[in-house]
Each structure stands twice: as structure tokens, then as C-alpha cells.
All heavy atoms as atom14 arrays in JSON, in Angstrom:
{
  "sequence": "TGLGLSISYQIVTDKHGGNLRCISALEQGTEFHIE",
  "atom14_mask": [
    [1, 1, 1, 1, 1, 1, 1, 0, 0, 0, 0, 0, 0, 0],
    [1, 1, 1, 1, 0, 0, 0, 0, 0, 0, 0, 0, 0, 0],
    [1, 1, 1, 1, 1, 1, 1, 1, 0, 0, 0, 0, 0, 0],
    [1, 1, 1, 1, 0, 0, 0, 0, 0, 0, 0, 0, 0, 0],
    [1, 1, 1, 1, 1, 1, 1, 1, 0, 0, 0, 0, 0, 0],
    [1, 1, 1, 1, 1, 1, 0, 0, 0, 0, 0, 0, 0, 0],
    [1, 1, 1, 1, 1, 1, 1, 1, 0, 0, 0, 0, 0, 0],
    [1, 1, 1, 1, 1, 1, 0, 0, 0, 0, 0, 0, 0, 0],
    [1, 1, 1, 1, 1, 1, 1, 1, 1, 1, 1, 1, 0, 0],
    [1, 1, 1, 1, 1, 1, 1, 1, 1, 0, 0, 0, 0, 0],
    [1, 1, 1, 1, 1, 1, 1, 1, 0, 0, 0, 0, 0, 0],
    [1, 1, 1, 1, 1, 1, 1, 0, 0, 0, 0, 0, 0, 0],
    [1, 1, 1, 1, 1, 1, 1, 0, 0, 0, 0, 0, 0, 0],
    [1, 1, 1, 1, 1, 1, 1, 1, 0, 0, 0, 0, 0, 0],
    [1, 1, 1, 1, 1, 1, 1, 1, 1, 0, 0, 0, 0, 0],
    [1, 1, 1, 1, 1, 1, 1, 1, 1, 1, 0, 0, 0, 0],
    [1, 1, 1, 1, 0, 0, 0, 0, 0, 0, 0, 0, 0, 0],
    [1, 1, 1, 1, 0, 0, 0, 0, 0, 0, 0, 0, 0, 0],
    [1, 1, 1, 1, 1, 1, 1, 1, 0, 0, 0, 0, 0, 0],
    [1, 1, 1, 1, 1, 1, 1, 1, 0, 0, 0, 0, 0, 0],
    [1, 1, 1, 1, 1, 1, 1, 1, 1, 1, 1, 0, 0, 0],
    [1, 1, 1, 1, 1, 1, 0, 0, 0, 0, 0, 0, 0, 0],
    [1, 1, 1, 1, 1, 1, 1, 1, 0, 0, 0, 0, 0, 0],
    [1, 1, 1, 1, 1, 1, 0, 0, 0, 0, 0, 0, 0, 0],
    [1, 1, 1, 1, 1, 0, 0, 0, 0, 0, 0, 0, 0, 0],
    [1, 1, 1, 1, 1, 1, 1, 1, 0, 0, 0, 0, 0, 0],
    [1, 1, 1, 1, 1, 1, 1, 1, 1, 0, 0, 0, 0, 0],
    [1, 1, 1, 1, 1, 1, 1, 1, 1, 0, 0, 0, 0, 0],
    [1, 1, 1, 1, 0, 0, 0, 0, 0, 0, 0, 0, 0, 0],
    [1, 1, 1, 1, 1, 1, 1, 0, 0, 0, 0, 0, 0, 0],
    [1, 1, 1, 1, 1, 1, 1, 1, 1, 0, 0, 0, 0, 0],
    [1, 1, 1, 1, 1, 1, 1, 1, 1, 1, 1, 0, 0, 0],
    [1, 1, 1, 1, 1, 1, 1, 1, 1, 1, 0, 0, 0, 0],
    [1, 1, 1, 1, 1, 1, 1, 1, 0, 0, 0, 0, 0, 0],
    [1, 1, 1, 1, 1, 1, 1, 1, 1, 0, 0, 0, 0, 0]
  ],
  "atom14_positions": [
    [[0.81, -1.22, 0.0], [0.0, 0.0, 0.0], [0.84, 1.26, 0.0], [0.34, 2.34, -0.31], [-0.93, 0.04, 1.23], [-0.11, -0.01, 2.41], [-1.9, -1.11, 1.21], [0.0, 0.0, 0.0], [0.0, 0.0, 0.0], [0.0, 0.0, 0.0], [0.0, 0.0, 0.0], [0.0, 0.0, 0.0], [0.0, 0.0, 0.0], [0.0, 0.0, 0.0]],
    [[2.11, 1.16, 0.38], [2.96, 2.34, 0.38], [2.61, 3.36, 1.44], [2.75, 4.55, 1.22], [0.0, 0.0, 0.0], [0.0, 0.0, 0.0], [0.0, 0.0, 0.0], [0.0, 0.0, 0.0], [0.0, 0.0, 0.0], [0.0, 0.0, 0.0], [0.0, 0.0, 0.0], [0.0, 0.0, 0.0], [0.0, 0.0, 0.0], [0.0, 0.0, 0.0]],
    [[2.15, 2.92, 2.59], [1.76, 3.86, 3.64], [2.74, 3.93, 4.8], [2.72, 4.88, 5.57], [0.37, 3.5, 4.18], [-0.77, 3.79, 3.24], [-2.07, 3.24, 3.81], [-0.89, 5.28, 3.0], [0.0, 0.0, 0.0], [0.0, 0.0, 0.0], [0.0, 0.0, 0.0], [0.0, 0.0, 0.0], [0.0, 0.0, 0.0], [0.0, 0.0, 0.0]],
    [[3.62, 2.96, 4.94], [4.49, 2.88, 6.12], [5.35, 4.1, 6.35], [5.33, 4.69, 7.43], [0.0, 0.0, 0.0], [0.0, 0.0, 0.0], [0.0, 0.0, 0.0], [0.0, 0.0, 0.0], [0.0, 0.0, 0.0], [0.0, 0.0, 0.0], [0.0, 0.0, 0.0], [0.0, 0.0, 0.0], [0.0, 0.0, 0.0], [0.0, 0.0, 0.0]],
    [[6.13, 4.52, 5.36], [7.01, 5.67, 5.55], [6.23, 6.98, 5.59], [6.63, 7.92, 6.28], [8.09, 5.72, 4.47], [9.19, 4.69, 4.65], [10.15, 4.71, 3.46], [9.96, 4.92, 5.93], [0.0, 0.0, 0.0], [0.0, 0.0, 0.0], [0.0, 0.0, 0.0], [0.0, 0.0, 0.0], [0.0, 0.0, 0.0], [0.0, 0.0, 0.0]],
    [[5.12, 7.05, 4.89], [4.29, 8.25, 4.94], [3.73, 8.47, 6.34], [3.77, 9.58, 6.88], [3.14, 8.14, 3.92], [2.27, 9.23, 4.04], [0.0, 0.0, 0.0], [0.0, 0.0, 0.0], [0.0, 0.0, 0.0], [0.0, 0.0, 0.0], [0.0, 0.0, 0.0], [0.0, 0.0, 0.0], [0.0, 0.0, 0.0], [0.0, 0.0, 0.0]],
    [[3.22, 7.4, 6.93], [2.68, 7.49, 8.3], [3.8, 7.78, 9.28], [3.65, 8.61, 10.19], [1.92, 6.21, 8.66], [0.64, 6.11, 7.83], [1.62, 6.15, 10.15], [-0.07, 4.78, 7.92], [0.0, 0.0, 0.0], [0.0, 0.0, 0.0], [0.0, 0.0, 0.0], [0.0, 0.0, 0.0], [0.0, 0.0, 0.0], [0.0, 0.0, 0.0]],
    [[4.95, 7.14, 9.11], [6.09, 7.41, 10.0], [6.5, 8.87, 9.93], [6.76, 9.51, 10.95], [7.28, 6.53, 9.61], [6.96, 5.18, 9.76], [0.0, 0.0, 0.0], [0.0, 0.0, 0.0], [0.0, 0.0, 0.0], [0.0, 0.0, 0.0], [0.0, 0.0, 0.0], [0.0, 0.0, 0.0], [0.0, 0.0, 0.0], [0.0, 0.0, 0.0]],
    [[6.55, 9.42, 8.72], [6.92, 10.82, 8.53], [5.94, 11.74, 9.26], [6.35, 12.66, 9.96], [6.95, 11.15, 7.03], [7.44, 12.54, 6.75], [8.8, 12.81, 6.65], [6.56, 13.6, 6.57], [9.27, 14.08, 6.4], [7.01, 14.88, 6.32], [8.36, 15.11, 6.24], [8.81, 16.38, 5.99], [0.0, 0.0, 0.0], [0.0, 0.0, 0.0]],
    [[4.64, 11.46, 9.12], [3.63, 12.29, 9.78], [3.76, 12.23, 11.3], [3.64, 13.24, 11.98], [2.22, 11.85, 9.38], [1.87, 12.23, 7.97], [0.49, 11.73, 7.58], [-0.02, 10.76, 8.15], [-0.1, 12.39, 6.61], [0.0, 0.0, 0.0], [0.0, 0.0, 0.0], [0.0, 0.0, 0.0], [0.0, 0.0, 0.0], [0.0, 0.0, 0.0]],
    [[4.01, 11.04, 11.82], [4.13, 10.9, 13.28], [5.34, 11.68, 13.78], [5.24, 12.44, 14.76], [4.24, 9.42, 13.68], [2.9, 8.72, 13.44], [4.68, 9.27, 15.14], [2.96, 7.21, 13.57], [0.0, 0.0, 0.0], [0.0, 0.0, 0.0], [0.0, 0.0, 0.0], [0.0, 0.0, 0.0], [0.0, 0.0, 0.0], [0.0, 0.0, 0.0]],
    [[6.48, 11.52, 13.13], [7.71, 12.17, 13.59], [7.62, 13.69, 13.43], [7.97, 14.44, 14.34], [8.95, 11.62, 12.83], [10.19, 12.44, 13.12], [9.19, 10.16, 13.2], [0.0, 0.0, 0.0], [0.0, 0.0, 0.0], [0.0, 0.0, 0.0], [0.0, 0.0, 0.0], [0.0, 0.0, 0.0], [0.0, 0.0, 0.0], [0.0, 0.0, 0.0]],
    [[7.15, 14.16, 12.27], [7.17, 15.61, 11.99], [5.95, 16.33, 12.54], [6.09, 17.33, 13.24], [7.3, 15.88, 10.49], [6.19, 15.33, 9.79], [8.6, 15.31, 9.95], [0.0, 0.0, 0.0], [0.0, 0.0, 0.0], [0.0, 0.0, 0.0], [0.0, 0.0, 0.0], [0.0, 0.0, 0.0], [0.0, 0.0, 0.0], [0.0, 0.0, 0.0]],
    [[4.75, 15.85, 12.22], [3.53, 16.56, 12.62], [3.2, 16.38, 14.09], [2.88, 17.35, 14.78], [2.34, 16.11, 11.78], [2.49, 16.44, 10.3], [3.37, 17.27, 9.96], [1.73, 15.86, 9.49], [0.0, 0.0, 0.0], [0.0, 0.0, 0.0], [0.0, 0.0, 0.0], [0.0, 0.0, 0.0], [0.0, 0.0, 0.0], [0.0, 0.0, 0.0]],
    [[3.27, 15.17, 14.57], [2.86, 14.89, 15.95], [3.92, 15.26, 16.98], [3.6, 15.62, 18.1], [2.51, 13.4, 16.12], [1.42, 12.92, 15.22], [0.08, 13.49, 15.6], [-1.0, 12.88, 14.7], [-2.26, 13.57, 14.83], [0.0, 0.0, 0.0], [0.0, 0.0, 0.0], [0.0, 0.0, 0.0], [0.0, 0.0, 0.0], [0.0, 0.0, 0.0]],
    [[5.21, 15.16, 16.59], [6.28, 15.38, 17.57], [7.21, 16.53, 17.22], [8.13, 16.83, 17.98], [7.11, 14.1, 17.74], [6.3, 12.96, 18.3], [5.91, 12.9, 19.62], [5.79, 11.86, 17.7], [5.21, 11.81, 19.82], [5.1, 11.16, 18.68], [0.0, 0.0, 0.0], [0.0, 0.0, 0.0], [0.0, 0.0, 0.0], [0.0, 0.0, 0.0]],
    [[7.0, 17.19, 16.08], [7.84, 18.33, 15.72], [9.27, 17.96, 15.38], [10.17, 18.79, 15.47], [0.0, 0.0, 0.0], [0.0, 0.0, 0.0], [0.0, 0.0, 0.0], [0.0, 0.0, 0.0], [0.0, 0.0, 0.0], [0.0, 0.0, 0.0], [0.0, 0.0, 0.0], [0.0, 0.0, 0.0], [0.0, 0.0, 0.0], [0.0, 0.0, 0.0]],
    [[9.5, 16.73, 14.98], [10.85, 16.27, 14.67], [11.15, 16.3, 13.18], [10.44, 16.94, 12.4], [0.0, 0.0, 0.0], [0.0, 0.0, 0.0], [0.0, 0.0, 0.0], [0.0, 0.0, 0.0], [0.0, 0.0, 0.0], [0.0, 0.0, 0.0], [0.0, 0.0, 0.0], [0.0, 0.0, 0.0], [0.0, 0.0, 0.0], [0.0, 0.0, 0.0]],
    [[12.19, 15.59, 12.81], [12.61, 15.5, 11.42], [12.85, 14.05, 11.06], [13.38, 13.27, 11.87], [13.93, 16.26, 11.2], [13.77, 17.73, 11.44], [12.97, 18.39, 10.79], [14.53, 18.26, 12.38], [0.0, 0.0, 0.0], [0.0, 0.0, 0.0], [0.0, 0.0, 0.0], [0.0, 0.0, 0.0], [0.0, 0.0, 0.0], [0.0, 0.0, 0.0]],
    [[12.52, 13.68, 9.84], [12.8, 12.35, 9.31], [13.34, 12.56, 7.9], [12.67, 13.11, 7.04], [11.53, 11.49, 9.28], [11.64, 10.09, 8.67], [12.72, 9.27, 9.35], [10.3, 9.37, 8.77], [0.0, 0.0, 0.0], [0.0, 0.0, 0.0], [0.0, 0.0, 0.0], [0.0, 0.0, 0.0], [0.0, 0.0, 0.0], [0.0, 0.0, 0.0]],
    [[14.6, 12.15, 7.7], [15.26, 12.37, 6.41], [15.86, 11.07, 5.91], [16.21, 10.2, 6.7], [16.38, 13.4, 6.54], [15.92, 14.79, 6.9], [17.06, 15.78, 6.96], [18.01, 15.42, 8.0], [19.33, 15.38, 7.83], [19.87, 15.7, 6.68], [20.13, 15.06, 8.82], [0.0, 0.0, 0.0], [0.0, 0.0, 0.0], [0.0, 0.0, 0.0]],
    [[16.0, 11.0, 4.6], [16.65, 9.86, 3.98], [17.78, 10.38, 3.1], [17.59, 11.3, 2.3], [15.66, 9.07, 3.13], [16.44, 7.72, 2.24], [0.0, 0.0, 0.0], [0.0, 0.0, 0.0], [0.0, 0.0, 0.0], [0.0, 0.0, 0.0], [0.0, 0.0, 0.0], [0.0, 0.0, 0.0], [0.0, 0.0, 0.0], [0.0, 0.0, 0.0]],
    [[18.95, 9.8, 3.28], [20.11, 10.13, 2.45], [20.52, 8.83, 1.76], [20.78, 7.83, 2.43], [21.26, 10.68, 3.31], [20.82, 11.95, 4.02], [22.5, 10.92, 2.46], [21.76, 12.42, 5.09], [0.0, 0.0, 0.0], [0.0, 0.0, 0.0], [0.0, 0.0, 0.0], [0.0, 0.0, 0.0], [0.0, 0.0, 0.0], [0.0, 0.0, 0.0]],
    [[20.55, 8.85, 0.44], [20.9, 7.64, -0.29], [21.5, 8.0, -1.63], [21.09, 8.97, -2.26], [19.66, 6.77, -0.5], [20.02, 5.55, -1.14], [0.0, 0.0, 0.0], [0.0, 0.0, 0.0], [0.0, 0.0, 0.0], [0.0, 0.0, 0.0], [0.0, 0.0, 0.0], [0.0, 0.0, 0.0], [0.0, 0.0, 0.0], [0.0, 0.0, 0.0]],
    [[22.45, 7.22, -2.05], [23.05, 7.36, -3.37], [23.35, 5.96, -3.88], [23.7, 5.06, -3.11], [24.32, 8.19, -3.3], [0.0, 0.0, 0.0], [0.0, 0.0, 0.0], [0.0, 0.0, 0.0], [0.0, 0.0, 0.0], [0.0, 0.0, 0.0], [0.0, 0.0, 0.0], [0.0, 0.0, 0.0], [0.0, 0.0, 0.0], [0.0, 0.0, 0.0]],
    [[23.21, 5.77, -5.19], [23.49, 4.46, -5.76], [24.89, 4.01, -5.42], [25.84, 4.79, -5.43], [23.3, 4.52, -7.28], [21.86, 4.66, -7.75], [21.8, 4.81, -9.27], [21.02, 3.46, -7.31], [0.0, 0.0, 0.0], [0.0, 0.0, 0.0], [0.0, 0.0, 0.0], [0.0, 0.0, 0.0], [0.0, 0.0, 0.0], [0.0, 0.0, 0.0]],
    [[25.0, 2.75, -5.06], [26.27, 2.11, -4.69], [26.89, 2.64, -3.4], [28.04, 2.35, -3.11], [27.3, 2.19, -5.84], [26.8, 1.65, -7.16], [26.34, 0.2, -7.08], [26.94, -0.6, -6.35], [25.35, -0.12, -7.77], [0.0, 0.0, 0.0], [0.0, 0.0, 0.0], [0.0, 0.0, 0.0], [0.0, 0.0, 0.0], [0.0, 0.0, 0.0]],
    [[26.14, 3.44, -2.63], [26.69, 4.0, -1.39], [25.82, 3.75, -0.18], [26.07, 4.3, 0.89], [26.95, 5.5, -1.56], [28.0, 5.78, -2.61], [28.36, 7.25, -2.68], [28.11, 8.01, -1.74], [28.94, 7.65, -3.78], [0.0, 0.0, 0.0], [0.0, 0.0, 0.0], [0.0, 0.0, 0.0], [0.0, 0.0, 0.0], [0.0, 0.0, 0.0]],
    [[24.76, 2.97, -0.33], [23.92, 2.67, 0.82], [22.88, 3.74, 1.09], [22.73, 4.7, 0.33], [0.0, 0.0, 0.0], [0.0, 0.0, 0.0], [0.0, 0.0, 0.0], [0.0, 0.0, 0.0], [0.0, 0.0, 0.0], [0.0, 0.0, 0.0], [0.0, 0.0, 0.0], [0.0, 0.0, 0.0], [0.0, 0.0, 0.0], [0.0, 0.0, 0.0]],
    [[22.18, 3.55, 2.2], [21.08, 4.44, 2.58], [21.15, 4.72, 4.08], [21.5, 3.85, 4.85], [19.74, 3.78, 2.23], [19.68, 3.53, 0.82], [18.56, 4.64, 2.63], [0.0, 0.0, 0.0], [0.0, 0.0, 0.0], [0.0, 0.0, 0.0], [0.0, 0.0, 0.0], [0.0, 0.0, 0.0], [0.0, 0.0, 0.0], [0.0, 0.0, 0.0]],
    [[20.8, 5.94, 4.45], [20.71, 6.32, 5.86], [19.37, 7.0, 6.1], [18.95, 7.83, 5.3], [21.81, 7.32, 6.25], [23.19, 6.76, 6.28], [24.21, 7.78, 6.78], [23.83, 8.89, 7.21], [25.39, 7.46, 6.73], [0.0, 0.0, 0.0], [0.0, 0.0, 0.0], [0.0, 0.0, 0.0], [0.0, 0.0, 0.0], [0.0, 0.0, 0.0]],
    [[18.74, 6.65, 7.2], [17.56, 7.36, 7.68], [17.96, 8.08, 8.96], [18.57, 7.48, 9.84], [16.39, 6.41, 7.96], [15.7, 5.95, 6.7], [16.1, 4.8, 6.05], [14.64, 6.69, 6.19], [15.46, 4.38, 4.9], [14.0, 6.28, 5.03], [14.41, 5.12, 4.39], [0.0, 0.0, 0.0], [0.0, 0.0, 0.0], [0.0, 0.0, 0.0]],
    [[17.64, 9.36, 9.05], [17.93, 10.17, 10.24], [16.59, 10.56, 10.87], [15.75, 11.18, 10.23], [18.7, 11.44, 9.88], [20.04, 11.16, 9.28], [21.19, 11.59, 9.86], [20.41, 10.49, 8.18], [22.22, 11.2, 9.13], [21.77, 10.53, 8.09], [0.0, 0.0, 0.0], [0.0, 0.0, 0.0], [0.0, 0.0, 0.0], [0.0, 0.0, 0.0]],
    [[16.43, 10.19, 12.12], [15.23, 10.51, 12.88], [15.67, 11.43, 14.01], [16.54, 11.07, 14.81], [14.56, 9.25, 13.45], [14.28, 8.25, 12.33], [13.28, 9.62, 14.2], [13.99, 6.85, 12.84], [0.0, 0.0, 0.0], [0.0, 0.0, 0.0], [0.0, 0.0, 0.0], [0.0, 0.0, 0.0], [0.0, 0.0, 0.0], [0.0, 0.0, 0.0]],
    [[15.07, 12.6, 14.07], [15.39, 13.56, 15.14], [14.13, 13.93, 15.88], [13.1, 14.16, 15.28], [16.02, 14.82, 14.56], [17.3, 14.56, 13.82], [17.8, 15.79, 13.09], [16.98, 16.55, 12.53], [19.02, 15.99, 13.08], [0.0, 0.0, 0.0], [0.0, 0.0, 0.0], [0.0, 0.0, 0.0], [0.0, 0.0, 0.0], [0.0, 0.0, 0.0]]
  ]
}
């Protein structure tokens, strides 16, 4: 359904005033930053 990260983003940013970011580049892996 593609709702997991959308809901996570809303909870972190809207409900708690935080930040949720994704940093990724081909052949270099992926990082998620939750603040």
C-alpha cells in the first residue's frame, strides 16, 4: 500500500515536531535520520 514511511513521517514531523530524512546514493547505501 505504500503507507508505512508516509505514516512514519507524519508521526515524527507533525505529531512530535521532529525530522525524518533519507540520504541515499546508488552504490553508497542508505541512511535514515530521525530527530
